[in-house]
Protein backbone atom coordinates (compact mmCIF):
# COMPACT_ATOMS: atom_id res chain seq x y z
CA MET A 1 124.93 35.93 -1.59
CA THR A 2 126.82 32.71 -2.25
CA ASP A 3 125.02 29.48 -2.91
CA ILE A 4 124.42 27.91 0.50
CA LYS A 5 123.76 24.45 -0.93
CA SER A 6 127.17 24.15 -2.56
CA LYS A 7 128.94 25.63 0.46
CA VAL A 8 127.52 23.10 2.94
CA GLN A 9 128.10 19.94 0.91
CA GLY A 10 131.08 18.88 3.06
CA LEU A 11 129.63 20.15 6.32
CA GLU A 12 128.87 17.55 8.99
CA PRO A 13 125.05 17.40 9.32
CA ASN A 14 125.18 16.15 12.92
CA VAL A 15 125.51 18.29 16.03
CA GLN A 16 129.03 18.51 17.47
CA ALA A 17 130.39 19.77 20.75
CA ARG A 18 132.02 23.19 20.33
CA ASP A 19 134.71 24.94 22.31
CA VAL A 20 133.03 27.94 23.91
CA ARG A 21 136.30 29.90 23.75
CA GLU A 22 136.20 29.64 19.95
CA LEU A 23 132.70 31.10 19.89
CA VAL A 24 133.70 34.03 22.09
CA LYS A 25 136.87 34.99 20.17
CA GLU A 26 135.03 37.62 18.05
CA ALA A 27 132.35 38.59 20.55
CA ASP A 28 132.35 40.19 23.97
CA ASN A 29 130.54 37.22 25.51
CA ILE A 30 128.89 33.92 24.65
CA TYR A 31 125.40 35.45 24.52
CA GLU A 32 126.46 37.93 21.87
CA ALA A 33 128.03 35.15 19.81
CA LEU A 34 124.94 32.99 20.09
CA ASN A 35 122.72 35.92 19.14
CA VAL A 36 124.75 36.53 15.97
CA ILE A 37 124.61 32.82 15.10
CA ALA A 38 120.86 32.65 15.78
CA LYS A 39 120.10 35.68 13.61
CA ARG A 40 122.17 34.26 10.74
CA ALA A 41 120.47 30.86 11.15
CA SER A 42 117.09 32.59 10.78
CA GLN A 43 118.26 34.25 7.56
CA ILE A 44 119.52 30.94 6.18
CA SER A 45 116.29 29.19 7.13
CA VAL A 46 114.16 31.78 5.35
CA ASP A 47 116.40 31.71 2.26
CA LEU A 48 116.29 27.91 2.02
CA LYS A 49 112.53 27.86 2.57
CA HIS A 50 111.92 30.40 -0.21
CA GLU A 51 114.28 28.55 -2.53
CA LEU A 52 112.62 25.19 -1.88
CA HIS A 53 109.12 26.60 -2.38
CA ALA A 54 110.21 28.26 -5.63
CA LYS A 55 111.58 24.97 -6.93
CA LEU A 56 108.49 23.03 -5.89
CA GLU A 57 106.17 25.64 -7.44
CA GLU A 58 107.46 24.50 -10.84
CA PHE A 59 105.68 21.19 -10.22
CA ALA A 60 102.43 22.68 -8.95
CA VAL A 61 99.41 21.53 -10.90
CA ASN A 62 96.02 23.14 -10.56
CA SER A 63 93.38 20.43 -10.45
CA ASP A 64 89.91 20.21 -9.05
CA THR A 65 89.93 16.60 -7.97
CA ILE A 66 92.10 14.84 -5.46
CA GLU A 67 92.30 11.78 -7.73
CA GLU A 68 94.52 13.66 -10.18
CA ILE A 69 97.38 14.06 -7.70
CA HIS A 70 100.47 12.19 -8.83
CA GLU A 71 104.01 11.83 -7.56
CA ASN A 72 106.86 13.38 -9.45
CA LYS A 73 110.22 11.69 -8.83
CA GLU A 74 112.16 14.89 -9.48
CA GLN A 75 110.03 16.74 -6.93
CA ILE A 76 110.69 14.00 -4.37
CA GLU A 77 114.44 14.14 -5.02
CA ILE A 78 114.49 17.92 -4.55
CA SER A 79 112.64 17.57 -1.25
CA LYS A 80 114.99 14.83 -0.05
CA PHE A 81 118.02 16.95 -0.98
CA TYR A 82 116.79 19.85 1.16
CA GLU A 83 115.96 17.48 4.02
CA ARG A 84 119.55 16.19 4.03
CA LEU A 85 121.07 19.68 4.29
CA PRO A 86 122.55 20.52 7.68
CA ASN A 87 120.36 22.44 10.09
CA PRO A 88 120.58 26.24 9.55
CA VAL A 89 122.07 26.64 13.05
CA LEU A 90 124.92 24.28 12.11
CA ILE A 91 125.52 26.22 8.89
CA ALA A 92 125.50 29.55 10.75
CA THR A 93 127.86 28.21 13.43
CA SER A 94 130.27 27.04 10.74
CA GLU A 95 130.11 30.44 9.04
CA TYR A 96 130.72 32.17 12.37
CA LEU A 97 133.73 30.03 13.23
CA ASN A 98 135.17 30.57 9.73
CA ASP A 99 134.78 34.37 10.07
CA GLU A 100 132.22 34.50 7.25
CA ILE A 101 129.68 36.47 9.29
CA HIS A 102 130.19 40.18 9.74
CA HIS A 103 128.12 41.88 12.39
CA HIS A 104 127.97 45.34 13.88
CA TYR A 105 125.86 47.29 16.32
CA ARG A 106 123.47 49.98 15.25
CA GLU A 107 124.37 53.38 16.54
CA ASP A 108 122.09 54.59 19.29
CA ARG A 109 120.37 57.73 18.01
CA GLY A 110 119.11 58.76 21.41
CA ASP A 111 115.50 58.84 20.15
CA HIS A 112 113.82 57.33 23.18
């Protein structure tokens, strides 16, 4: 999997109006296109969440008292960086429109 953070650096973080005809060009209908985008957005969200937690775990300190909690500037910068990333739905929509998402249907086995 490619690095999502580097791929989305130039991506507009704000919501934009989209031409529905563009979304339907690879799908049979708009609902199918939105389903593909939503599933990819969920994958991206989980990946980013795991990555962020892994990075923040490096700063975890086991202490018994609340008075020993301190701020780490690097930890704050990492958190701010992830907060500034575009929403996973925007990333997935961009991937979909750039033909970077490949989807297929599972074959029905007839096991009902």
